[in-house]
PDB file of N, CA and C in Angstrom:
ATOM      1  N   UNK A   1      97.233 114.823  41.139  1.00  0.00           N
ATOM      2  CA  UNK A   1      97.853 115.896  41.296  1.00  0.00           C
ATOM      3  C   UNK A   1      96.522 117.060  40.493  1.00  0.00           C
ATOM      4  N   UNK A   2      96.824 117.928  41.903  1.00  0.00           N
ATOM      5  CA  UNK A   2      95.893 119.093  41.629  1.00  0.00           C
ATOM      6  C   UNK A   2      96.262 120.080  40.392  1.00  0.00           C
ATOM      7  N   UNK A   3      94.949 120.749  40.383  1.00  0.00           N
ATOM      8  CA  UNK A   3      95.077 121.733  39.570  1.00  0.00           C
ATOM      9  C   UNK A   3      96.232 123.279  39.585  1.00  0.00           C
ATOM     10  N   UNK A   4      96.755 123.668  38.971  1.00  0.00           N
ATOM     11  CA  UNK A   4      97.733 124.989  39.078  1.00  0.00           C
ATOM     12  C   UNK A   4      96.675 125.613  39.331  1.00  0.00           C
ATOM     13  N   UNK A   5      97.222 126.948  39.815  1.00  0.00           N
ATOM     14  CA  UNK A   5      96.519 128.133  39.915  1.00  0.00           C
ATOM     15  C   UNK A   5      96.778 129.117  39.124  1.00  0.00           C
ATOM     16  N   UNK A   6      95.884 129.969  38.417  1.00  0.00           N
ATOM     17  CA  UNK A   6      96.425 131.228  37.224  1.00  0.00           C
ATOM     18  C   UNK A   6      96.301 132.529  38.283  1.00  0.00           C
ATOM     19  N   UNK A   7      97.554 132.865  37.870  1.00  0.00           N
ATOM     20  CA  UNK A   7      97.751 134.205  38.758  1.00  0.00           C
ATOM     21  C   UNK A   7      98.393 135.323  37.686  1.00  0.00           C
ATOM     22  N   UNK A   8      97.649 136.186  37.918  1.00  0.00           N
ATOM     23  CA  UNK A   8      98.257 137.177  36.470  1.00  0.00           C
ATOM     24  C   UNK A   8      99.304 138.337  37.565  1.00  0.00           C
ATOM     25  N   UNK A   9     100.397 138.846  36.411  1.00  0.00           N
ATOM     26  CA  UNK A   9     101.186 140.116  36.996  1.00  0.00           C
ATOM     27  C   UNK A   9     100.426 141.340  36.830  1.00  0.00           C
ATOM     28  N   UNK A  10     100.654 142.403  37.497  1.00  0.00           N
ATOM     29  CA  UNK A  10      99.565 143.636  37.474  1.00  0.00           C
ATOM     30  C   UNK A  10      99.782 144.171  36.079  1.00  0.00           C
ATOM     31  N   UNK A  11     100.797 144.010  35.512  1.00  0.00           N
ATOM     32  CA  UNK A  11     100.484 144.916  34.078  1.00  0.00           C
ATOM     33  C   UNK A  11      99.891 143.720  33.120  1.00  0.00           C
ATOM     34  N   UNK A  12      99.800 142.185  33.455  1.00  0.00           N
ATOM     35  CA  UNK A  12      98.776 141.292  32.759  1.00  0.00           C
ATOM     36  C   UNK A  12      97.395 141.721  33.098  1.00  0.00           C
ATOM     37  N   UNK A  13      97.278 141.899  34.818  1.00  0.00           N
ATOM     38  CA  UNK A  13      95.770 141.956  34.874  1.00  0.00           C
ATOM     39  C   UNK A  13      95.170 143.440  34.415  1.00  0.00           C
ATOM     40  N   UNK A  14      95.594 144.197  34.019  1.00  0.00           N
ATOM     41  CA  UNK A  14      95.655 145.744  33.565  1.00  0.00           C
ATOM     42  C   UNK A  14      95.532 145.701  32.086  1.00  0.00           C
ATOM     43  N   UNK A  15      96.111 144.827  30.954  1.00  0.00           N
ATOM     44  CA  UNK A  15      95.972 144.884  29.744  1.00  0.00           C
ATOM     45  C   UNK A  15      94.686 143.712  29.780  1.00  0.00           C
ATOM     46  N   UNK A  16      94.392 142.717  30.878  1.00  0.00           N
ATOM     47  CA  UNK A  16      93.213 142.363  30.484  1.00  0.00           C
ATOM     48  C   UNK A  16      92.335 142.912  30.584  1.00  0.00           C
ATOM     49  N   UNK A  17      92.003 144.052  31.848  1.00  0.00           N
ATOM     50  CA  UNK A  17      90.914 144.518  32.213  1.00  0.00           C
ATOM     51  C   UNK A  17      90.470 145.282  30.711  1.00  0.00           C
ATOM     52  N   UNK A  18      91.457 145.704  30.087  1.00  0.00           N
ATOM     53  CA  UNK A  18      91.497 146.773  29.020  1.00  0.00           C
ATOM     54  C   UNK A  18      90.551 146.261  27.755  1.00  0.00           C
ATOM     55  N   UNK A  19      90.528 144.422  27.628  1.00  0.00           N
ATOM     56  CA  UNK A  19      90.163 143.808  26.485  1.00  0.00           C
ATOM     57  C   UNK A  19      88.864 143.831  26.700  1.00  0.00           C
ATOM     58  N   UNK A  20      87.584 143.556  25.758  1.00  0.00           N
ATOM     59  CA  UNK A  20      86.019 143.446  25.897  1.00  0.00           C
ATOM     60  C   UNK A  20      86.072 142.502  26.626  1.00  0.00           C
ATOM     61  N   UNK A  21      84.176 142.548  27.434  1.00  0.00           N
ATOM     62  CA  UNK A  21      84.119 141.625  28.260  1.00  0.00           C
ATOM     63  C   UNK A  21      84.416 139.768  27.760  1.00  0.00           C
ATOM     64  N   UNK A  22      83.889 139.717  26.552  1.00  0.00           N
ATOM     65  CA  UNK A  22      83.727 138.622  25.796  1.00  0.00           C
ATOM     66  C   UNK A  22      85.072 138.322  25.653  1.00  0.00           C
ATOM     67  N   UNK A  23      86.180 139.055  25.228  1.00  0.00           N
ATOM     68  CA  UNK A  23      87.607 138.289  24.984  1.00  0.00           C
ATOM     69  C   UNK A  23      87.838 137.981  26.302  1.00  0.00           C
ATOM     70  N   UNK A  24      87.885 138.519  27.470  1.00  0.00           N
ATOM     71  CA  UNK A  24      88.285 138.616  28.709  1.00  0.00           C
ATOM     72  C   UNK A  24      88.303 136.762  29.204  1.00  0.00           C
ATOM     73  N   UNK A  25      86.263 136.565  28.994  1.00  0.00           N
ATOM     74  CA  UNK A  25      86.060 135.753  29.160  1.00  0.00           C
ATOM     75  C   UNK A  25      86.762 134.169  28.229  1.00  0.00           C
ATOM     76  N   UNK A  26      86.578 134.267  27.239  1.00  0.00           N
ATOM     77  CA  UNK A  26      87.858 133.642  26.246  1.00  0.00           C
ATOM     78  C   UNK A  26      88.915 133.345  26.672  1.00  0.00           C
ATOM     79  N   UNK A  27      89.684 134.177  26.922  1.00  0.00           N
ATOM     80  CA  UNK A  27      91.245 134.296  27.136  1.00  0.00           C
ATOM     81  C   UNK A  27      91.137 133.353  28.772  1.00  0.00           C
ATOM     82  N   UNK A  28      90.506 133.868  29.232  1.00  0.00           N
ATOM     83  CA  UNK A  28      90.492 133.139  30.677  1.00  0.00           C
ATOM     84  C   UNK A  28      90.168 131.754  31.018  1.00  0.00           C
ATOM     85  N   UNK A  29      89.532 131.367  29.972  1.00  0.00           N
ATOM     86  CA  UNK A  29      88.792 129.751  29.664  1.00  0.00           C
ATOM     87  C   UNK A  29      89.963 129.176  29.462  1.00  0.00           C
ATOM     88  N   UNK A  30      90.597 129.606  28.064  1.00  0.00           N
ATOM     89  CA  UNK A  30      91.850 129.151  27.963  1.00  0.00           C
ATOM     90  C   UNK A  30      92.915 128.887  28.887  1.00  0.00           C
ATOM     91  N   UNK A  31      93.215 129.467  29.607  1.00  0.00           N
ATOM     92  CA  UNK A  31      94.448 130.028  30.684  1.00  0.00           C
ATOM     93  C   UNK A  31      94.025 128.852  31.536  1.00  0.00           C
ATOM     94  N   UNK A  32      92.510 128.614  31.761  1.00  0.00           N
ATOM     95  CA  UNK A  32      92.188 127.291  33.128  1.00  0.00           C
ATOM     96  C   UNK A  32      92.019 126.183  32.129  1.00  0.00           C
ATOM     97  N   UNK A  33      92.161 125.942  31.034  1.00  0.00           N
ATOM     98  CA  UNK A  33      92.076 124.989  30.213  1.00  0.00           C
ATOM     99  C   UNK A  33      93.623 124.385  30.277  1.00  0.00           C
ATOM    100  N   UNK A  34      94.623 125.577  30.071  1.00  0.00           N
ATOM    101  CA  UNK A  34      95.814 125.155  30.104  1.00  0.00           C
ATOM    102  C   UNK A  34      96.255 124.883  31.822  1.00  0.00           C
ATOM    103  N   UNK A  35      95.726 125.504  32.452  1.00  0.00           N
ATOM    104  CA  UNK A  35      96.222 125.285  34.224  1.00  0.00           C
ATOM    105  C   UNK A  35      95.706 123.772  34.614  1.00  0.00           C
ATOM    106  N   UNK A  36      94.499 123.180  33.967  1.00  0.00           N
ATOM    107  CA  UNK A  36      94.215 121.879  34.064  1.00  0.00           C
ATOM    108  C   UNK A  36      94.752 120.747  33.641  1.00  0.00           C
ATOM    109  N   UNK A  37      95.354 121.198  32.084  1.00  0.00           N
ATOM    110  CA  UNK A  37      96.433 119.890  31.709  1.00  0.00           C
ATOM    111  C   UNK A  37      97.621 119.817  32.002  1.00  0.00           C
ATOM    112  N   UNK A  38      97.956 121.021  32.586  1.00  0.00           N
ATOM    113  CA  UNK A  38      99.733 121.382  32.413  1.00  0.00           C
ATOM    114  C   UNK A  38      99.869 120.132  33.389  1.00  0.00           C
ATOM    115  N   UNK A  39      99.621 119.651  34.729  1.00  0.00           N
ATOM    116  CA  UNK A  39     100.036 118.424  35.381  1.00  0.00           C
ATOM    117  C   UNK A  39      99.874 117.371  34.791  1.00  0.00           C
ATOM    118  N   UNK A  40      99.016 116.777  34.149  1.00  0.00           N
ATOM    119  CA  UNK A  40      98.498 115.630  33.827  1.00  0.00           C
ATOM    120  C   UNK A  40      99.400 115.358  32.823  1.00  0.00           C
ATOM    121  N   UNK A  41      99.892 116.124  31.608  1.00  0.00           N
ATOM    122  CA  UNK A  41     100.677 116.155  30.871  1.00  0.00           C
ATOM    123  C   UNK A  41     102.049 115.549  30.972  1.00  0.00           C
ATOM    124  N   UNK A  42     102.443 116.949  31.662  1.00  0.00           N
ATOM    125  CA  UNK A  42     103.853 117.056  32.065  1.00  0.00           C
ATOM    126  C   UNK A  42     104.860 117.563  30.738  1.00  0.00           C
ATOM    127  N   UNK A  43     103.530 118.229  29.806  1.00  0.00           N
ATOM    128  CA  UNK A  43     104.414 118.411  28.297  1.00  0.00           C
ATOM    129  C   UNK A  43     103.540 119.601  28.205  1.00  0.00           C
ATOM    130  N   UNK A  44     103.802 120.451  27.218  1.00  0.00           N
ATOM    131  CA  UNK A  44     103.464 122.156  26.812  1.00  0.00           C
ATOM    132  C   UNK A  44     102.093 121.786  25.857  1.00  0.00           C
ATOM    133  N   UNK A  45     101.420 122.664  26.448  1.00  0.00           N
ATOM    134  CA  UNK A  45     100.040 122.308  25.885  1.00  0.00           C
ATOM    135  C   UNK A  45      99.543 122.683  24.814  1.00  0.00           C
ATOM    136  N   UNK A  46      98.572 122.562  24.056  1.00  0.00           N
ATOM    137  CA  UNK A  46      98.414 122.799  22.670  1.00  0.00           C
ATOM    138  C   UNK A  46      98.085 124.028  22.121  1.00  0.00           C
ATOM    139  N   UNK A  47      98.625 125.036  23.418  1.00  0.00           N
ATOM    140  CA  UNK A  47      98.604 126.339  22.288  1.00  0.00           C
ATOM    141  C   UNK A  47     100.291 126.804  22.097  1.00  0.00           C
ATOM    142  N   UNK A  48     101.076 125.932  22.617  1.00  0.00           N
ATOM    143  CA  UNK A  48     102.315 125.924  21.962  1.00  0.00           C
ATOM    144  C   UNK A  48     103.287 126.518  23.015  1.00  0.00           C
ATOM    145  N   UNK A  49     104.491 126.190  22.798  1.00  0.00           N
ATOM    146  CA  UNK A  49     105.600 126.462  23.902  1.00  0.00           C
ATOM    147  C   UNK A  49     106.576 126.824  23.154  1.00  0.00           C
ATOM    148  N   UNK A  50     107.555 127.515  23.821  1.00  0.00           N
ATOM    149  CA  UNK A  50     108.841 127.924  23.432  1.00  0.00           C
ATOM    150  C   UNK A  50     109.779 128.285  24.896  1.00  0.00           C
ATOM    151  N   UNK A  51     110.645 127.644  25.025  1.00  0.00           N
ATOM    152  CA  UNK A  51     111.711 127.592  26.418  1.00  0.00           C
ATOM    153  C   UNK A  51     112.004 129.278  25.788  1.00  0.00           C
ATOM    154  N   UNK A  52     112.366 130.097  27.113  1.00  0.00           N
ATOM    155  CA  UNK A  52     112.430 131.496  26.722  1.00  0.00           C
ATOM    156  C   UNK A  52     113.734 132.088  27.928  1.00  0.00           C
ATOM    157  N   UNK A  53     114.533 133.168  27.514  1.00  0.00           N
ATOM    158  CA  UNK A  53     115.590 133.289  28.495  1.00  0.00           C
ATOM    159  C   UNK A  53     115.499 133.528  29.914  1.00  0.00           C
ATOM    160  N   UNK A  54     113.578 133.464  30.554  1.00  0.00           N
ATOM    161  CA  UNK A  54     113.761 133.306  31.899  1.00  0.00           C
ATOM    162  C   UNK A  54     113.123 132.139  32.260  1.00  0.00           C
ATOM    163  N   UNK A  55     112.935 131.576  31.643  1.00  0.00           N
ATOM    164  CA  UNK A  55     112.447 129.796  31.700  1.00  0.00           C
ATOM    165  C   UNK A  55     113.763 129.199  32.754  1.00  0.00           C
ATOM    166  N   UNK A  56     112.941 128.950  33.997  1.00  0.00           N
ATOM    167  CA  UNK A  56     114.055 127.753  34.923  1.00  0.00           C
ATOM    168  C   UNK A  56     114.255 126.952  34.363  1.00  0.00           C
ATOM    169  N   UNK A  57     114.552 125.869  35.420  1.00  0.00           N
ATOM    170  CA  UNK A  57     114.693 124.248  34.883  1.00  0.00           C
ATOM    171  C   UNK A  57     113.280 123.581  35.448  1.00  0.00           C
ATOM    172  N   UNK A  58     113.018 124.636  36.158  1.00  0.00           N
ATOM    173  CA  UNK A  58     110.868 124.213  37.080  1.00  0.00           C
ATOM    174  C   UNK A  58     110.357 124.959  36.350  1.00  0.00           C
ATOM    175  N   UNK A  59     110.403 125.417  35.567  1.00  0.00           N
ATOM    176  CA  UNK A  59     109.288 126.711  34.388  1.00  0.00           C
ATOM    177  C   UNK A  59     109.604 126.334  33.478  1.00  0.00           C
ATOM    178  N   UNK A  60     108.475 126.820  32.514  1.00  0.00           N
ATOM    179  CA  UNK A  60     108.494 126.815  31.146  1.00  0.00           C
ATOM    180  C   UNK A  60     107.218 127.783  30.705  1.00  0.00           C
ATOM    181  N   UNK A  61     108.017 128.585  29.608  1.00  0.00           N
ATOM    182  CA  UNK A  61     107.223 130.057  28.888  1.00  0.00           C
ATOM    183  C   UNK A  61     106.236 129.354  27.689  1.00  0.00           C
ATOM    184  N   UNK A  62     105.403 129.423  28.520  1.00  0.00           N
ATOM    185  CA  UNK A  62     104.318 129.382  27.272  1.00  0.00           C
ATOM    186  C   UNK A  62     103.599 130.423  26.867  1.00  0.00           C
ATOM    187  N   UNK A  63     102.974 130.289  25.527  1.00  0.00           N
ATOM    188  CA  UNK A  63     102.003 131.037  24.931  1.00  0.00           C
ATOM    189  C   UNK A  63     100.628 130.787  24.714  1.00  0.00           C
ATOM    190  N   UNK A  64      99.586 131.255  25.348  1.00  0.00           N
ATOM    191  CA  UNK A  64      98.256 130.815  25.117  1.00  0.00           C
ATOM    192  C   UNK A  64      97.445 131.980  24.170  1.00  0.00           C
ATOM    193  N   UNK A  65      96.773 131.169  23.117  1.00  0.00           N
ATOM    194  CA  UNK A  65      96.290 132.103  22.180  1.00  0.00           C
ATOM    195  C   UNK A  65      94.793 131.385  21.960  1.00  0.00           C
ATOM    196  N   UNK A  66      94.036 132.738  21.686  1.00  0.00           N
ATOM    197  CA  UNK A  66      92.649 132.834  21.477  1.00  0.00           C
ATOM    198  C   UNK A  66      92.739 133.370  19.999  1.00  0.00           C
ATOM    199  N   UNK A  67      91.383 133.541  19.548  1.00  0.00           N
ATOM    200  CA  UNK A  67      91.226 133.993  17.826  1.00  0.00           C
ATOM    201  C   UNK A  67      91.713 135.370  18.132  1.00  0.00           C
ATOM    202  N   UNK A  68      91.485 136.196  19.298  1.00  0.00           N
ATOM    203  CA  UNK A  68      92.214 137.715  19.199  1.00  0.00           C
ATOM    204  C   UNK A  68      93.332 137.976  19.600  1.00  0.00           C
ATOM    205  N   UNK A  69      93.442 137.101  21.193  1.00  0.00           N
ATOM    206  CA  UNK A  69      94.344 137.562  22.173  1.00  0.00           C
ATOM    207  C   UNK A  69      95.950 136.353  22.026  1.00  0.00           C
ATOM    208  N   UNK A  70      96.849 137.094  22.710  1.00  0.00           N
ATOM    209  CA  UNK A  70      97.982 135.206  23.167  1.00  0.00           C
ATOM    210  C   UNK A  70      97.765 136.369  24.713  1.00  0.00           C
ATOM    211  N   UNK A  71      98.289 134.915  25.288  1.00  0.00           N
ATOM    212  CA  UNK A  71      98.747 135.434  26.675  1.00  0.00           C
ATOM    213  C   UNK A  71     100.476 135.124  26.902  1.00  0.00           C
ATOM    214  N   UNK A  72     101.449 135.348  27.593  1.00  0.00           N
ATOM    215  CA  UNK A  72     102.764 134.941  27.660  1.00  0.00           C
ATOM    216  C   UNK A  72     102.673 134.564  29.592  1.00  0.00           C
ATOM    217  N   UNK A  73     102.800 133.206  29.461  1.00  0.00           N
ATOM    218  CA  UNK A  73     102.923 132.523  30.804  1.00  0.00           C
ATOM    219  C   UNK A  73     103.890 132.120  30.944  1.00  0.00           C
ATOM    220  N   UNK A  74     104.121 131.786  32.383  1.00  0.00           N
ATOM    221  CA  UNK A  74     105.575 130.489  32.941  1.00  0.00           C
ATOM    222  C   UNK A  74     104.835 129.603  33.581  1.00  0.00           C
ATOM    223  N   UNK A  75     105.100 128.218  33.312  1.00  0.00           N
ATOM    224  CA  UNK A  75     103.639 127.127  34.225  1.00  0.00           C
ATOM    225  C   UNK A  75     105.338 126.742  35.120  1.00  0.00           C
ATOM    226  N   UNK A  76     104.885 126.798  36.091  1.00  0.00           N
ATOM    227  CA  UNK A  76     105.693 126.535  37.330  1.00  0.00           C
ATOM    228  C   UNK A  76     104.926 125.528  38.379  1.00  0.00           C
ATOM    229  N   UNK A  77     105.217 124.351  37.993  1.00  0.00           N
ATOM    230  CA  UNK A  77     104.448 122.935  38.391  1.00  0.00           C
ATOM    231  C   UNK A  77     104.846 122.578  39.598  1.00  0.00           C
ATOM    232  N   UNK A  78     106.326 123.088  40.150  1.00  0.00           N
ATOM    233  CA  UNK A  78     106.498 122.877  41.793  1.00  0.00           C
ATOM    234  C   UNK A  78     105.877 123.675  42.314  1.00  0.00           C
ATOM    235  N   UNK A  79     105.828 125.138  42.122  1.00  0.00           N
ATOM    236  CA  UNK A  79     105.193 126.270  43.111  1.00  0.00           C
ATOM    237  C   UNK A  79     103.526 126.158  42.730  1.00  0.00           C
ATOM    238  N   UNK A  80     103.004 125.054  41.499  1.00  0.00           N
ATOM    239  CA  UNK A  80     101.527 124.800  41.359  1.00  0.00           C
ATOM    240  C   UNK A  80     100.627 126.268  40.888  1.00  0.00           C
ATOM    241  N   UNK A  81     101.516 126.652  39.924  1.00  0.00           N
ATOM    242  CA  UNK A  81     101.080 128.020  39.169  1.00  0.00           C
ATOM    243  C   UNK A  81     101.643 128.375  37.803  1.00  0.00           C
ATOM    244  N   UNK A  82     100.315 129.011  37.120  1.00  0.00           N
ATOM    245  CA  UNK A  82     100.648 129.478  36.010  1.00  0.00           C
ATOM    246  C   UNK A  82     100.671 131.117  36.055  1.00  0.00           C
ATOM    247  N   UNK A  83     101.780 131.490  36.021  1.00  0.00           N
ATOM    248  CA  UNK A  83     101.822 133.186  36.139  1.00  0.00           C
ATOM    249  C   UNK A  83     101.623 133.758  34.630  1.00  0.00           C
ATOM    250  N   UNK A  84     100.723 134.480  34.401  1.00  0.00           N
ATOM    251  CA  UNK A  84     100.541 135.671  33.256  1.00  0.00           C
ATOM    252  C   UNK A  84     101.984 136.608  33.293  1.00  0.00           C
ATOM    253  N   UNK A  85     102.343 136.901  32.640  1.00  0.00           N
ATOM    254  CA  UNK A  85     102.905 138.164  31.956  1.00  0.00           C
ATOM    255  C   UNK A  85     102.766 139.373  31.545  1.00  0.00           C
ATOM    256  N   UNK A  86     102.087 138.884  30.198  1.00  0.00           N
ATOM    257  CA  UNK A  86     101.113 139.814  29.361  1.00  0.00           C
ATOM    258  C   UNK A  86     100.189 139.677  28.853  1.00  0.00           C
ATOM    259  N   UNK A  87      99.458 139.888  28.424  1.00  0.00           N
ATOM    260  CA  UNK A  87      98.366 140.229  27.395  1.00  0.00           C
ATOM    261  C   UNK A  87      98.388 140.428  26.449  1.00  0.00           C
ATOM    262  N   UNK A  88      98.622 140.278  25.067  1.00  0.00           N
ATOM    263  CA  UNK A  88      98.646 141.169  24.010  1.00  0.00           C
ATOM    264  C   UNK A  88      97.115 141.000  22.817  1.00  0.00           C
ATOM    265  N   UNK A  89      96.789 141.706  22.063  1.00  0.00           N
ATOM    266  CA  UNK A  89      95.992 141.409  21.204  1.00  0.00           C
ATOM    267  C   UNK A  89      96.575 140.964  20.268  1.00  0.00           C
ATOM    268  N   UNK A  90      95.752 140.293  19.353  1.00  0.00           N
ATOM    269  CA  UNK A  90      96.478 139.642  17.710  1.00  0.00           C
ATOM    270  C   UNK A  90      96.118 140.891  17.018  1.00  0.00           C
TER     271      UNK A  90
END
């Protein structure tokens, strides 16, 4: 199965740009790890997940965490995407 692509909403891209370069890299690496693991496992990544109100039958809401930041994402395996909605400092 192919790797999922990571896409950022406009708000998430702006929030990510506001972080220090090192923190951006840490969060992007963790997002790539989740994107690479999601299709193979078919289950929630180690970062944790919780079904949310916007979660449809083909997607799930996932929190991707680093020691300093959290990203709220939706994994859409049918579309081949990990869509990042928000980036929040801890």
